[in-house]
Amino acid sequence: MDLPIDPDLTPIPDAGPAPLDIDEAIECLTQTVVVDTTIYTQIAQRRSQLEDAETLRRARAL
């Protein structure tokens, strides 16, 4: 026997977040790229500093 479904108790499917308009999406992606580029630049600079320090340490050891 099937029970009747009370429409007040039926869950409404989640539609997810509201879609971004194209300008908001482009701005969001641009900010992400800028942040990623900044992080990668900082990592490269730090790596270069560490390599320079290692080179200097080896030169002093000679």
N, C-alpha and C. Protein backbone atom coordinates (compact mmCIF):
# COMPACT_ATOMS: atom_id res chain seq x y z
N MET A 1 0.85 -1.18 0.00
CA MET A 1 0.00 0.00 0.00
C MET A 1 0.89 1.24 0.00
N ASP A 2 0.70 2.09 -0.97
CA ASP A 2 1.47 3.33 -1.06
C ASP A 2 0.83 4.40 -0.20
N LEU A 3 1.67 5.08 0.55
CA LEU A 3 1.17 6.18 1.37
C LEU A 3 1.16 7.45 0.53
N PRO A 4 0.19 8.30 0.75
CA PRO A 4 0.18 9.56 0.00
C PRO A 4 1.37 10.44 0.43
N ILE A 5 1.91 11.16 -0.51
CA ILE A 5 3.05 12.05 -0.22
C ILE A 5 2.51 13.43 0.09
N ASP A 6 2.89 13.90 1.27
CA ASP A 6 2.48 15.24 1.68
C ASP A 6 3.42 16.24 1.00
N PRO A 7 2.90 17.12 0.15
CA PRO A 7 3.79 18.05 -0.56
C PRO A 7 4.56 18.98 0.36
N ASP A 8 4.07 19.21 1.57
CA ASP A 8 4.79 20.07 2.51
C ASP A 8 6.03 19.38 3.06
N LEU A 9 6.09 18.05 2.97
CA LEU A 9 7.22 17.30 3.51
C LEU A 9 8.18 16.84 2.42
N THR A 10 7.84 17.06 1.18
CA THR A 10 8.69 16.63 0.08
C THR A 10 9.87 17.60 -0.04
N PRO A 11 11.10 17.08 0.05
CA PRO A 11 12.25 18.00 -0.06
C PRO A 11 12.34 18.60 -1.46
N ILE A 12 12.76 19.82 -1.49
CA ILE A 12 12.98 20.51 -2.76
C ILE A 12 14.44 20.31 -3.13
N PRO A 13 14.72 19.81 -4.33
CA PRO A 13 16.12 19.60 -4.70
C PRO A 13 16.92 20.90 -4.67
N ASP A 14 18.16 20.77 -4.21
CA ASP A 14 19.03 21.94 -4.13
C ASP A 14 19.48 22.32 -5.53
N ALA A 15 19.27 23.55 -5.89
CA ALA A 15 19.66 24.03 -7.22
C ALA A 15 21.13 24.42 -7.26
N GLY A 16 21.80 24.40 -6.12
CA GLY A 16 23.20 24.79 -6.08
C GLY A 16 23.33 26.30 -6.01
N PRO A 17 24.56 26.78 -6.08
CA PRO A 17 24.77 28.23 -5.99
C PRO A 17 24.22 28.94 -7.22
N ALA A 18 23.92 30.18 -7.03
CA ALA A 18 23.42 30.99 -8.14
C ALA A 18 24.52 31.12 -9.19
N PRO A 19 24.17 31.03 -10.45
CA PRO A 19 25.21 31.14 -11.48
C PRO A 19 25.80 32.55 -11.53
N LEU A 20 27.07 32.61 -11.83
CA LEU A 20 27.74 33.90 -11.98
C LEU A 20 27.42 34.46 -13.36
N ASP A 21 27.37 35.75 -13.44
CA ASP A 21 27.27 36.29 -14.80
C ASP A 21 28.68 36.25 -15.38
N ILE A 22 28.81 36.40 -16.66
CA ILE A 22 30.08 36.21 -17.34
C ILE A 22 31.16 37.17 -16.84
N ASP A 23 30.80 38.41 -16.53
CA ASP A 23 31.80 39.37 -16.03
C ASP A 23 32.31 38.96 -14.65
N GLU A 24 31.41 38.46 -13.79
CA GLU A 24 31.83 38.00 -12.47
C GLU A 24 32.73 36.78 -12.59
N ALA A 25 32.40 35.88 -13.50
CA ALA A 25 33.21 34.69 -13.71
C ALA A 25 34.61 35.06 -14.20
N ILE A 26 34.69 35.98 -15.14
CA ILE A 26 36.00 36.42 -15.66
C ILE A 26 36.81 37.09 -14.55
N GLU A 27 36.17 37.93 -13.74
CA GLU A 27 36.86 38.60 -12.63
C GLU A 27 37.39 37.58 -11.63
N CYS A 28 36.57 36.59 -11.32
CA CYS A 28 36.97 35.54 -10.37
C CYS A 28 38.18 34.77 -10.90
N LEU A 29 38.13 34.39 -12.17
CA LEU A 29 39.25 33.66 -12.76
C LEU A 29 40.50 34.53 -12.84
N THR A 30 40.34 35.79 -13.14
CA THR A 30 41.48 36.71 -13.21
C THR A 30 42.15 36.82 -11.85
N GLN A 31 41.35 36.95 -10.80
CA GLN A 31 41.91 37.04 -9.44
C GLN A 31 42.65 35.76 -9.08
N THR A 32 42.09 34.62 -9.47
CA THR A 32 42.74 33.34 -9.19
C THR A 32 44.09 33.25 -9.90
N VAL A 33 44.14 33.67 -11.15
CA VAL A 33 45.39 33.63 -11.91
C VAL A 33 46.42 34.57 -11.29
N VAL A 34 45.99 35.75 -10.87
CA VAL A 34 46.91 36.71 -10.25
C VAL A 34 47.48 36.12 -8.96
N VAL A 35 46.64 35.53 -8.14
CA VAL A 35 47.10 34.94 -6.88
C VAL A 35 48.05 33.79 -7.16
N ASP A 36 47.68 32.89 -8.09
CA ASP A 36 48.55 31.77 -8.43
C ASP A 36 49.90 32.25 -8.95
N THR A 37 49.88 33.24 -9.82
CA THR A 37 51.12 33.77 -10.39
C THR A 37 51.99 34.38 -9.29
N THR A 38 51.37 35.09 -8.37
CA THR A 38 52.11 35.69 -7.25
C THR A 38 52.76 34.61 -6.40
N ILE A 39 52.02 33.56 -6.10
CA ILE A 39 52.55 32.47 -5.28
C ILE A 39 53.71 31.79 -6.01
N TYR A 40 53.53 31.47 -7.29
CA TYR A 40 54.59 30.82 -8.04
C TYR A 40 55.83 31.70 -8.14
N THR A 41 55.64 33.00 -8.29
CA THR A 41 56.76 33.94 -8.34
C THR A 41 57.52 33.93 -7.02
N GLN A 42 56.78 33.94 -5.91
CA GLN A 42 57.42 33.92 -4.59
C GLN A 42 58.19 32.62 -4.38
N ILE A 43 57.62 31.51 -4.82
CA ILE A 43 58.31 30.23 -4.69
C ILE A 43 59.59 30.23 -5.51
N ALA A 44 59.52 30.73 -6.74
CA ALA A 44 60.71 30.78 -7.60
C ALA A 44 61.78 31.69 -7.01
N GLN A 45 61.37 32.83 -6.45
CA GLN A 45 62.34 33.73 -5.83
C GLN A 45 63.01 33.07 -4.63
N ARG A 46 62.22 32.39 -3.82
CA ARG A 46 62.78 31.72 -2.63
C ARG A 46 63.73 30.61 -3.04
N ARG A 47 63.34 29.85 -4.06
CA ARG A 47 64.20 28.78 -4.55
C ARG A 47 65.52 29.36 -5.05
N SER A 48 65.46 30.46 -5.77
CA SER A 48 66.66 31.12 -6.28
C SER A 48 67.54 31.59 -5.13
N GLN A 49 66.93 32.14 -4.08
CA GLN A 49 67.69 32.58 -2.91
C GLN A 49 68.40 31.40 -2.25
N LEU A 50 67.68 30.28 -2.14
CA LEU A 50 68.28 29.10 -1.52
C LEU A 50 69.42 28.55 -2.37
N GLU A 51 69.23 28.55 -3.69
CA GLU A 51 70.30 28.10 -4.59
C GLU A 51 71.51 29.02 -4.50
N ASP A 52 71.27 30.33 -4.44
CA ASP A 52 72.37 31.29 -4.30
C ASP A 52 73.11 31.08 -2.99
N ALA A 53 72.38 30.84 -1.92
CA ALA A 53 73.00 30.60 -0.62
C ALA A 53 73.82 29.32 -0.64
N GLU A 54 73.30 28.29 -1.30
CA GLU A 54 74.03 27.02 -1.40
C GLU A 54 75.30 27.20 -2.23
N THR A 55 75.20 27.94 -3.32
CA THR A 55 76.38 28.22 -4.15
C THR A 55 77.43 28.98 -3.36
N LEU A 56 77.01 29.98 -2.60
CA LEU A 56 77.93 30.77 -1.78
C LEU A 56 78.57 29.89 -0.71
N ARG A 57 77.78 29.03 -0.09
CA ARG A 57 78.31 28.13 0.94
C ARG A 57 79.38 27.21 0.34
N ARG A 58 79.11 26.67 -0.84
CA ARG A 58 80.08 25.78 -1.49
C ARG A 58 81.35 26.54 -1.88
N ALA A 59 81.19 27.77 -2.35
CA ALA A 59 82.35 28.58 -2.74
C ALA A 59 83.23 28.87 -1.53
N ARG A 60 82.61 29.13 -0.40
CA ARG A 60 83.38 29.40 0.82
C ARG A 60 84.09 28.16 1.32
N ALA A 61 83.52 26.99 1.04
CA ALA A 61 84.12 25.74 1.51
C ALA A 61 85.36 25.37 0.71
N LEU A 62 85.54 25.98 -0.46
CA LEU A 62 86.72 25.65 -1.29
C LEU A 62 87.98 26.20 -0.75
